[in-house]
Amino acid sequence: MATPFDTPPQSLDEVNITSPDGYALSGYPHSHWAYLRQHAPAFRYQASDEELEPFWAITKWEDIQRISRDPQTFSNKTDIVLRLGQLAEGGAAPQTHHLLDMDPPEHAQYRALVNRRFTTRGLSMLEERIDEVAGEVVDRAARQIVDRVARRGECEVVAEISNLLPLVTICELLGVPRERQGDMIQWVNEMVGSGDPEYQRGRTQQETLAAASQALLGFFMQLSQQKREQPTDDLLTTLVQSEINGAPLSPLDLLSYCYLLIIAGNETTRNTISGGLMALIEHPEQMALLRSDRSLMDTAVEEILRWVSPVIHFARVVTEDVEVGGQLIPAGEKVVMFYPSANRDEDIFDDPFRFDITRTPNEHLAFGGFGEHYCLGANLARLQLRTMFGHILDRLDEIELNGDIERLRSGFVGGVKRLPIRYLADG
């Protein structure tokens, strides 16, 4: 099935960067973003879908960095994602008050509550558990052998590998009981994929999102009360005991923090694991290089992050008239930063459409621009990716695709729903 992303545009009128079917069937509209980078790096985009208000598409690395570092001119307080018919990731989301929709100085106060938990030192206590879970996940997949003599096996990466480690890690960090982690997977899938018919199961997008959100927040409401009565050494207990300006966090603030961490901490990393493995399969010479030289793991992880760019966009609202990319953008209008486009910017990356695990420097924007909204969990994500890919390469040989790739129908998160593989199990 042809999609609007399949044909490179020949004019600005042909640019399409918001088609739900395009993201589901073709992946990212890289040729369209490339056209914008060349001809209109700040482009006032009007989709054919009347439900989507016009916005300024920002596609260059330098412009996205500038916007990310200037919260006074580009505010985070409202409309941080595109909201329209099939692409609305927040159409019926619960009211929240979390880091992503805060500007300074409020943002710094709330981020400081948990910052130390996400430093390299703070995460050291989780390293052993992350390694344990990653090993268990890959071993379980490797044991599912179709032909035990030939040691051939097959699995579906998202369900059997990618889904588990990020969620277990965030649950461990928050203090969520292990027996409830299956519920978390279901709720997260339904919230992030609320526009996808598979997760709707006959419901509307708004009904799907509302039901999953309410279930998740109801669970954390009960768990936070348990932490008040029986404190433990976890992040949720830290939040329950924290204060802002001398007062405890409100129920809204507390639940918003949990909501953000469980969604952001799970969704982005699992899609990077899936997308990263797909990139290695599609570039077997890079897979072979990483197998032969594990000292390249750090640069490989950075290239995987650049290549996959799991978060497609975030938006800001302009607080005063400002020039970006040669265009005057009036106060009150919305700018939308497309991170996968910035991570293919020809002015920043040498041969940007080449997947190269030795690439250095590699100042990608997979974790956002380097402002105050730089991803809180960047260190955690890198740790999980290094660990997971290490175990995959240790246990699975001769990895190849074993069917069609299915992508999430979303213009906010670049999700892979299914990635079937065939492999030779080590041992």
Protein backbone atom coordinates (compact mmCIF):
# COMPACT_ATOMS: atom_id res chain seq x y z
CA MET A 1 0.00 0.00 0.00
CA ALA A 2 1.49 3.32 -1.11
CA THR A 3 1.63 6.12 1.45
CA PRO A 4 2.26 9.88 1.20
CA PHE A 5 5.81 9.30 2.51
CA ASP A 6 6.87 7.00 -0.34
CA THR A 7 7.38 9.69 -3.00
CA PRO A 8 9.92 12.47 -2.38
CA PRO A 9 8.26 15.88 -2.68
CA GLN A 10 9.03 18.16 -5.60
CA SER A 11 7.52 21.25 -4.02
CA LEU A 12 6.48 22.51 -0.59
CA ASP A 13 2.87 21.83 -1.50
CA GLU A 14 3.71 18.11 -1.69
CA VAL A 15 5.32 17.90 1.75
CA ASN A 16 3.48 15.57 4.15
CA ILE A 17 4.90 14.93 7.61
CA THR A 18 1.76 14.11 9.61
CA SER A 19 0.06 11.18 7.86
CA PRO A 20 -0.79 8.42 10.37
CA ASP A 21 -0.80 5.83 7.60
CA GLY A 22 2.59 7.09 6.46
CA TYR A 23 4.16 6.49 9.88
CA ALA A 24 2.50 3.08 10.21
CA LEU A 25 3.40 1.76 6.77
CA SER A 26 6.57 3.58 5.76
CA GLY A 27 8.23 4.75 8.94
CA TYR A 28 9.69 8.24 9.02
CA PRO A 29 9.19 10.76 6.16
CA HIS A 30 12.92 11.36 5.77
CA SER A 31 12.73 12.56 2.17
CA HIS A 32 10.12 15.15 3.16
CA TRP A 33 12.16 16.38 6.11
CA ALA A 34 15.23 16.57 3.87
CA TYR A 35 13.29 18.72 1.40
CA LEU A 36 12.28 21.06 4.21
CA ARG A 37 15.85 21.28 5.55
CA GLN A 38 16.97 22.39 2.11
CA HIS A 39 14.11 24.64 1.05
CA ALA A 40 12.22 25.75 4.18
CA PRO A 41 13.90 24.90 7.51
CA ALA A 42 11.15 26.81 9.30
CA PHE A 43 7.97 26.01 7.38
CA ARG A 44 4.42 26.98 8.30
CA TYR A 45 2.76 23.64 7.75
CA GLN A 46 -0.94 23.14 7.17
CA ALA A 47 -2.06 19.53 7.02
CA SER A 48 -4.96 18.42 4.90
CA ASP A 49 -6.61 17.24 8.12
CA GLU A 50 -8.67 20.23 9.25
CA GLU A 51 -8.44 19.11 12.88
CA LEU A 52 -4.72 19.98 12.93
CA GLU A 53 -4.00 23.64 13.45
CA PRO A 54 -1.14 25.16 11.43
CA PHE A 55 2.31 24.95 12.99
CA TRP A 56 5.89 25.78 12.14
CA ALA A 57 7.89 22.66 11.26
CA ILE A 58 11.49 23.02 12.48
CA THR A 59 13.83 20.52 10.84
CA LYS A 60 17.42 21.78 11.30
CA TRP A 61 19.74 20.75 14.16
CA GLU A 62 20.93 24.29 14.95
CA ASP A 63 17.39 25.69 15.10
CA ILE A 64 16.17 22.90 17.36
CA GLN A 65 19.14 23.44 19.66
CA ARG A 66 18.42 27.16 19.84
CA ILE A 67 14.75 26.61 20.66
CA SER A 68 15.60 23.98 23.27
CA ARG A 69 17.94 26.39 25.09
CA ASP A 70 15.54 29.34 25.18
CA PRO A 71 12.48 28.53 27.32
CA GLN A 72 11.68 32.21 27.77
CA THR A 73 10.93 32.63 24.05
CA PHE A 74 9.73 29.07 23.40
CA SER A 75 7.47 27.90 26.20
CA ASN A 76 6.78 24.31 27.22
CA LYS A 77 3.66 25.01 29.23
CA THR A 78 1.06 24.08 26.63
CA ASP A 79 0.63 21.89 23.56
CA ILE A 80 3.90 19.96 23.71
CA VAL A 81 2.70 17.38 21.14
CA LEU A 82 0.63 17.59 17.99
CA ARG A 83 -3.00 16.78 18.67
CA LEU A 84 -5.20 15.76 15.80
CA GLY A 85 -7.57 12.98 14.83
CA GLN A 86 -5.51 9.82 14.39
CA LEU A 87 -2.24 11.31 15.67
CA ALA A 88 -3.56 12.67 18.95
CA GLU A 89 -1.49 11.05 21.63
CA GLY A 90 -3.27 13.14 24.25
CA GLY A 91 -6.84 13.52 23.07
CA ALA A 92 -8.36 12.17 26.27
CA ALA A 93 -5.29 12.06 28.50
CA PRO A 94 -5.70 12.84 32.18
CA GLN A 95 -4.78 16.25 33.50
CA THR A 96 -1.09 16.18 34.38
CA HIS A 97 1.56 18.53 35.74
CA HIS A 98 5.00 17.14 35.03
CA LEU A 99 8.47 18.10 33.84
CA LEU A 100 7.65 18.14 30.14
CA ASP A 101 5.11 20.94 30.50
CA MET A 102 7.05 23.14 32.92
CA ASP A 103 9.21 26.21 32.28
CA PRO A 104 11.91 27.61 34.58
CA PRO A 105 12.14 28.15 37.50
CA GLU A 106 9.43 25.58 38.29
CA HIS A 107 11.06 22.94 36.11
CA ALA A 108 14.35 23.01 38.02
CA GLN A 109 12.58 22.62 41.37
CA TYR A 110 10.71 19.50 40.28
CA ARG A 111 13.63 17.96 38.42
CA ALA A 112 15.91 18.38 41.43
CA LEU A 113 13.68 16.01 43.43
CA VAL A 114 14.85 12.98 41.48
CA ASN A 115 18.02 14.09 39.66
CA ARG A 116 20.40 12.11 41.85
CA ARG A 117 18.54 8.87 41.10
CA PHE A 118 19.38 9.26 37.40
CA THR A 119 23.07 10.09 37.67
CA THR A 120 25.62 7.41 36.78
CA ARG A 121 26.34 6.97 40.47
CA GLY A 122 22.66 6.87 41.38
CA LEU A 123 22.00 4.17 38.81
CA SER A 124 24.89 1.98 39.94
CA MET A 125 22.59 0.12 42.34
CA LEU A 126 20.42 -0.90 39.37
CA GLU A 127 23.22 -2.13 37.11
CA GLU A 128 23.19 -5.66 38.47
CA ARG A 129 19.41 -5.92 38.20
CA ILE A 130 19.42 -4.53 34.64
CA ASP A 131 22.08 -7.05 33.63
CA GLU A 132 20.11 -9.84 35.31
CA VAL A 133 16.85 -8.95 33.55
CA ALA A 134 18.50 -8.46 30.15
CA GLY A 135 20.19 -11.86 30.48
CA GLU A 136 16.93 -13.55 31.47
CA VAL A 137 15.03 -11.94 28.59
CA VAL A 138 17.53 -12.91 25.90
CA ASP A 139 18.08 -16.40 27.36
CA ARG A 140 14.33 -17.01 27.33
CA ALA A 141 14.20 -16.03 23.66
CA ALA A 142 17.24 -18.15 22.83
CA ARG A 143 15.71 -21.23 24.43
CA GLN A 144 12.71 -21.15 22.10
CA ILE A 145 14.43 -23.37 19.58
CA VAL A 146 12.47 -24.73 16.63
CA ASP A 147 15.17 -27.16 15.57
CA ARG A 148 17.28 -28.18 18.56
CA VAL A 149 19.79 -30.04 16.42
CA ALA A 150 20.47 -27.08 14.17
CA ARG A 151 19.99 -24.67 17.12
CA ARG A 152 17.71 -22.53 14.94
CA GLY A 153 15.17 -20.37 16.66
CA GLU A 154 12.79 -17.52 16.01
CA CYS A 155 11.02 -14.92 18.09
CA GLU A 156 9.15 -11.66 17.90
CA VAL A 157 11.57 -9.07 19.28
CA VAL A 158 9.14 -6.48 20.63
CA ALA A 159 7.02 -8.84 22.73
CA GLU A 160 9.80 -11.21 23.80
CA ILE A 161 12.79 -8.88 24.21
CA SER A 162 12.26 -5.12 23.83
CA ASN A 163 9.12 -4.81 25.96
CA LEU A 164 10.53 -6.24 29.13
CA LEU A 165 13.80 -4.63 30.19
CA PRO A 166 12.78 -0.92 30.10
CA LEU A 167 9.53 -1.55 31.91
CA VAL A 168 11.08 -3.78 34.57
CA THR A 169 13.80 -1.18 35.14
CA ILE A 170 11.38 1.70 35.65
CA CYS A 171 9.16 -0.46 37.83
CA GLU A 172 12.17 -1.40 39.97
CA LEU A 173 13.15 2.26 40.19
CA LEU A 174 9.67 3.32 41.26
CA GLY A 175 9.09 0.36 43.58
CA VAL A 176 6.31 -1.31 41.56
CA PRO A 177 5.73 -4.97 42.59
CA ARG A 178 6.92 -7.44 39.96
CA GLU A 179 3.55 -9.17 39.76
CA ARG A 180 1.99 -5.95 38.38
CA GLN A 181 4.46 -5.37 35.57
CA GLY A 182 2.29 -7.17 33.01
CA ASP A 183 -0.46 -4.64 33.70
CA MET A 184 2.03 -1.86 33.06
CA ILE A 185 2.87 -3.22 29.61
CA GLN A 186 -0.80 -3.30 28.66
CA TRP A 187 -1.57 0.20 29.93
CA VAL A 188 1.49 1.75 28.31
CA ASN A 189 0.73 0.11 24.95
CA GLU A 190 -2.83 1.40 25.04
CA MET A 191 -1.87 4.93 26.01
CA VAL A 192 0.94 5.41 23.49
CA GLY A 193 -0.85 3.42 20.79
CA SER A 194 -4.35 4.76 21.43
CA GLY A 195 -4.67 5.68 17.75
CA ASP A 196 -3.84 2.14 16.67
CA PRO A 197 -6.83 -0.18 16.02
CA GLU A 198 -5.00 -3.15 17.58
CA TYR A 199 -4.95 -1.47 20.97
CA GLN A 200 -8.38 0.07 20.65
CA ARG A 201 -10.14 -3.30 20.42
CA GLY A 202 -13.39 -1.75 19.21
CA ARG A 203 -13.12 1.39 21.33
CA THR A 204 -12.49 4.92 20.13
CA GLN A 205 -9.06 6.46 20.49
CA GLN A 206 -10.29 8.68 23.31
CA GLU A 207 -11.91 5.76 25.13
CA THR A 208 -8.75 3.67 24.81
CA LEU A 209 -6.51 6.43 26.14
CA ALA A 210 -8.87 7.38 28.96
CA ALA A 211 -9.34 3.81 30.21
CA ALA A 212 -5.63 2.99 30.22
CA SER A 213 -4.69 6.31 31.82
CA GLN A 214 -7.25 5.94 34.58
CA ALA A 215 -6.11 2.39 35.31
CA LEU A 216 -2.46 3.46 35.51
CA LEU A 217 -3.10 6.48 37.70
CA GLY A 218 -5.48 4.55 39.94
CA PHE A 219 -2.75 1.97 40.52
CA PHE A 220 -0.18 4.62 41.42
CA MET A 221 -2.63 6.32 43.74
CA GLN A 222 -2.90 3.10 45.75
CA LEU A 223 0.83 2.40 45.62
CA SER A 224 1.79 5.91 46.75
CA GLN A 225 -0.42 5.50 49.81
CA GLN A 226 1.41 2.25 50.61
CA LYS A 227 4.75 4.06 50.36
CA ARG A 228 3.57 6.70 52.84
CA GLU A 229 2.66 4.02 55.32
CA GLN A 230 5.62 1.72 54.58
CA PRO A 231 8.53 3.71 53.07
CA THR A 232 11.15 1.83 51.05
CA ASP A 233 14.30 2.79 49.16
CA ASP A 234 12.73 3.63 45.82
CA LEU A 235 11.82 6.62 43.70
CA LEU A 236 8.12 6.65 44.59
CA THR A 237 8.98 6.85 48.29
CA THR A 238 11.33 9.76 47.49
CA LEU A 239 8.48 11.58 45.73
CA VAL A 240 6.00 10.86 48.53
CA GLN A 241 8.44 12.36 51.02
CA SER A 242 9.48 15.34 48.87
CA GLU A 243 8.47 18.97 49.28
CA ILE A 244 8.27 21.98 46.97
CA ASN A 245 8.41 25.37 48.68
CA GLY A 246 7.90 23.68 52.03
CA ALA A 247 4.79 21.73 51.02
CA PRO A 248 4.42 18.05 50.02
CA LEU A 249 3.74 17.25 46.40
CA SER A 250 0.05 17.43 45.57
CA PRO A 251 -1.69 14.22 44.42
CA LEU A 252 -1.70 15.66 40.88
CA ASP A 253 2.05 16.34 40.96
CA LEU A 254 2.82 12.94 42.42
CA LEU A 255 0.72 11.01 39.94
CA SER A 256 1.99 13.13 37.04
CA TYR A 257 5.57 12.21 37.92
CA CYS A 258 4.69 8.50 37.90
CA TYR A 259 2.77 8.89 34.66
CA LEU A 260 5.72 10.56 32.96
CA LEU A 261 8.35 8.12 34.19
CA ILE A 262 6.45 4.95 33.35
CA ILE A 263 5.55 6.20 29.85
CA ALA A 264 8.77 7.97 28.89
CA GLY A 265 11.05 5.52 30.65
CA ASN A 266 9.53 2.52 28.91
CA GLU A 267 8.38 3.59 25.49
CA THR A 268 11.47 5.32 24.17
CA THR A 269 13.99 2.67 25.25
CA ARG A 270 12.00 -0.32 24.05
CA ASN A 271 11.58 1.26 20.61
CA THR A 272 15.29 2.04 20.50
CA ILE A 273 16.08 -1.62 21.28
CA SER A 274 13.75 -2.79 18.49
CA GLY A 275 14.87 -0.14 16.01
CA GLY A 276 18.52 -0.63 16.89
CA LEU A 277 18.38 -4.37 16.30
CA MET A 278 16.59 -3.75 13.02
CA ALA A 279 19.37 -1.33 12.00
CA LEU A 280 22.04 -3.92 12.81
CA ILE A 281 20.17 -6.59 10.84
CA GLU A 282 19.86 -4.24 7.87
CA HIS A 283 23.57 -3.41 8.09
CA PRO A 284 25.21 -6.82 8.67
CA GLU A 285 28.73 -5.44 8.28
CA GLN A 286 28.08 -3.19 11.28
CA MET A 287 26.66 -6.12 13.25
CA ALA A 288 29.78 -8.15 12.46
CA LEU A 289 32.04 -5.26 13.45
CA LEU A 290 30.33 -4.87 16.83
CA ARG A 291 30.49 -8.63 17.45
CA SER A 292 34.22 -8.61 16.80
CA ASP A 293 35.01 -5.48 18.81
CA ARG A 294 32.84 -4.86 21.87
CA SER A 295 34.89 -1.75 22.71
CA LEU A 296 32.69 -0.09 20.07
CA MET A 297 29.54 -0.60 22.16
CA ASP A 298 29.43 2.98 23.44
CA THR A 299 29.69 4.56 19.99
CA ALA A 300 27.32 1.92 18.60
CA VAL A 301 24.68 2.87 21.18
CA GLU A 302 25.03 6.55 20.25
CA GLU A 303 24.64 5.74 16.56
CA ILE A 304 21.60 3.57 17.29
CA LEU A 305 20.06 6.47 19.21
CA ARG A 306 20.74 8.87 16.33
CA TRP A 307 19.48 6.41 13.73
CA VAL A 308 16.28 5.41 15.54
CA SER A 309 15.37 8.79 17.15
CA PRO A 310 12.39 7.26 18.98
CA VAL A 311 10.70 10.57 19.88
CA ILE A 312 9.52 12.15 16.65
CA HIS A 313 8.64 15.61 17.88
CA PHE A 314 7.97 18.01 20.68
CA ALA A 315 6.32 21.41 20.38
CA ARG A 316 6.79 24.82 21.95
CA VAL A 317 4.61 27.95 21.92
CA VAL A 318 6.32 31.21 20.94
CA THR A 319 5.98 33.90 23.62
CA GLU A 320 7.17 36.84 21.49
CA ASP A 321 7.80 37.53 17.82
CA VAL A 322 11.02 35.76 16.85
CA GLU A 323 12.98 34.84 13.73
CA VAL A 324 13.81 31.16 13.15
CA GLY A 325 15.24 29.69 9.98
CA GLY A 326 14.84 33.00 8.16
CA GLN A 327 11.14 33.26 9.01
CA LEU A 328 9.42 35.66 11.41
CA ILE A 329 7.23 33.60 13.74
CA PRO A 330 4.56 35.61 15.59
CA ALA A 331 3.95 35.25 19.31
CA GLY A 332 1.33 32.63 20.16
CA GLU A 333 2.16 30.29 17.28
CA LYS A 334 3.49 26.77 17.68
CA VAL A 335 6.88 25.47 16.60
CA VAL A 336 7.32 21.71 16.27
CA MET A 337 10.85 20.27 16.49
CA PHE A 338 11.37 17.10 14.45
CA TYR A 339 14.28 15.26 16.09
CA PRO A 340 14.76 12.51 13.47
CA SER A 341 15.20 15.26 10.90
CA ALA A 342 17.82 17.03 13.02
CA ASN A 343 19.64 13.71 13.39
CA ARG A 344 19.98 13.49 9.59
CA ASP A 345 21.05 17.12 9.16
CA GLU A 346 23.70 17.24 6.45
CA ASP A 347 25.31 20.32 8.03
CA ILE A 348 26.00 18.43 11.26
CA PHE A 349 26.54 14.78 10.36
CA ASP A 350 28.90 13.49 7.71
CA ASP A 351 26.99 11.20 5.35
CA PRO A 352 23.94 11.25 7.69
CA PHE A 353 22.08 8.43 5.94
CA ARG A 354 24.93 6.02 6.60
CA PHE A 355 24.60 3.81 9.71
CA ASP A 356 28.09 3.82 11.23
CA ILE A 357 28.71 2.43 14.72
CA THR A 358 32.15 4.10 14.79
CA ARG A 359 30.71 7.57 14.17
CA THR A 360 32.35 10.26 16.29
CA PRO A 361 31.57 12.92 17.18
CA ASN A 362 27.88 12.13 17.32
CA GLU A 363 25.95 15.00 18.89
CA HIS A 364 22.52 13.58 18.12
CA LEU A 365 19.31 14.97 19.56
CA ALA A 366 17.64 11.67 20.40
CA PHE A 367 17.35 12.91 24.00
CA GLY A 368 16.15 16.35 22.94
CA GLY A 369 18.17 19.53 22.61
CA PHE A 370 20.75 20.26 25.28
CA GLY A 371 18.57 22.56 27.37
CA GLU A 372 16.81 22.04 30.68
CA HIS A 373 14.49 19.50 29.04
CA TYR A 374 17.35 17.20 28.07
CA CYS A 375 16.10 13.70 28.87
CA LEU A 376 16.25 12.92 32.58
CA GLY A 377 16.70 9.22 31.85
CA ALA A 378 19.50 9.50 29.26
CA ASN A 379 22.05 7.72 31.47
CA LEU A 380 19.56 4.99 32.29
CA ALA A 381 18.66 4.47 28.63
CA ARG A 382 22.31 4.17 27.63
CA LEU A 383 22.93 1.64 30.40
CA GLN A 384 19.97 -0.47 29.30
CA LEU A 385 20.96 -0.34 25.63
CA ARG A 386 24.57 -1.34 26.28
CA THR A 387 23.45 -4.21 28.46
CA MET A 388 20.71 -5.50 26.18
CA PHE A 389 22.75 -5.42 22.98
CA GLY A 390 25.63 -7.09 24.79
CA HIS A 391 23.40 -10.00 25.77
CA ILE A 392 21.81 -10.21 22.31
CA LEU A 393 25.21 -10.46 20.64
CA ASP A 394 26.39 -13.00 23.24
CA ARG A 395 23.44 -15.37 22.78
CA LEU A 396 22.04 -14.87 19.27
CA ASP A 397 24.02 -15.46 16.08
CA GLU A 398 23.12 -15.08 12.40
CA ILE A 399 20.16 -12.83 13.19
CA GLU A 400 17.87 -12.09 10.25
CA LEU A 401 14.36 -10.86 9.62
CA ASN A 402 11.66 -13.51 9.61
CA GLY A 403 8.62 -11.66 8.33
CA ASP A 404 7.16 -8.20 7.90
CA ILE A 405 7.93 -5.35 10.28
CA GLU A 406 4.86 -3.69 11.77
CA ARG A 407 5.05 -0.10 12.99
CA LEU A 408 2.94 1.85 15.44
CA ARG A 409 0.39 4.23 13.96
CA SER A 410 1.74 7.29 15.73
CA GLY A 411 3.33 10.59 14.79
CA PHE A 412 4.78 11.16 18.27
CA VAL A 413 6.70 7.97 19.06
CA GLY A 414 8.49 6.03 16.35
CA GLY A 415 7.27 2.64 17.46
CA VAL A 416 7.89 -0.84 16.13
CA LYS A 417 5.01 -3.14 17.07
CA ARG A 418 6.44 -6.36 15.66
CA LEU A 419 9.92 -7.37 14.56
CA PRO A 420 10.05 -11.12 13.80
CA ILE A 421 13.55 -12.58 13.62
CA ARG A 422 15.27 -15.91 12.99
CA TYR A 423 18.59 -16.67 14.65
CA LEU A 424 21.13 -19.29 15.60
CA ALA A 425 21.18 -19.73 19.37
CA ASP A 426 24.60 -19.79 20.95
CA GLY A 427 25.07 -22.95 22.95
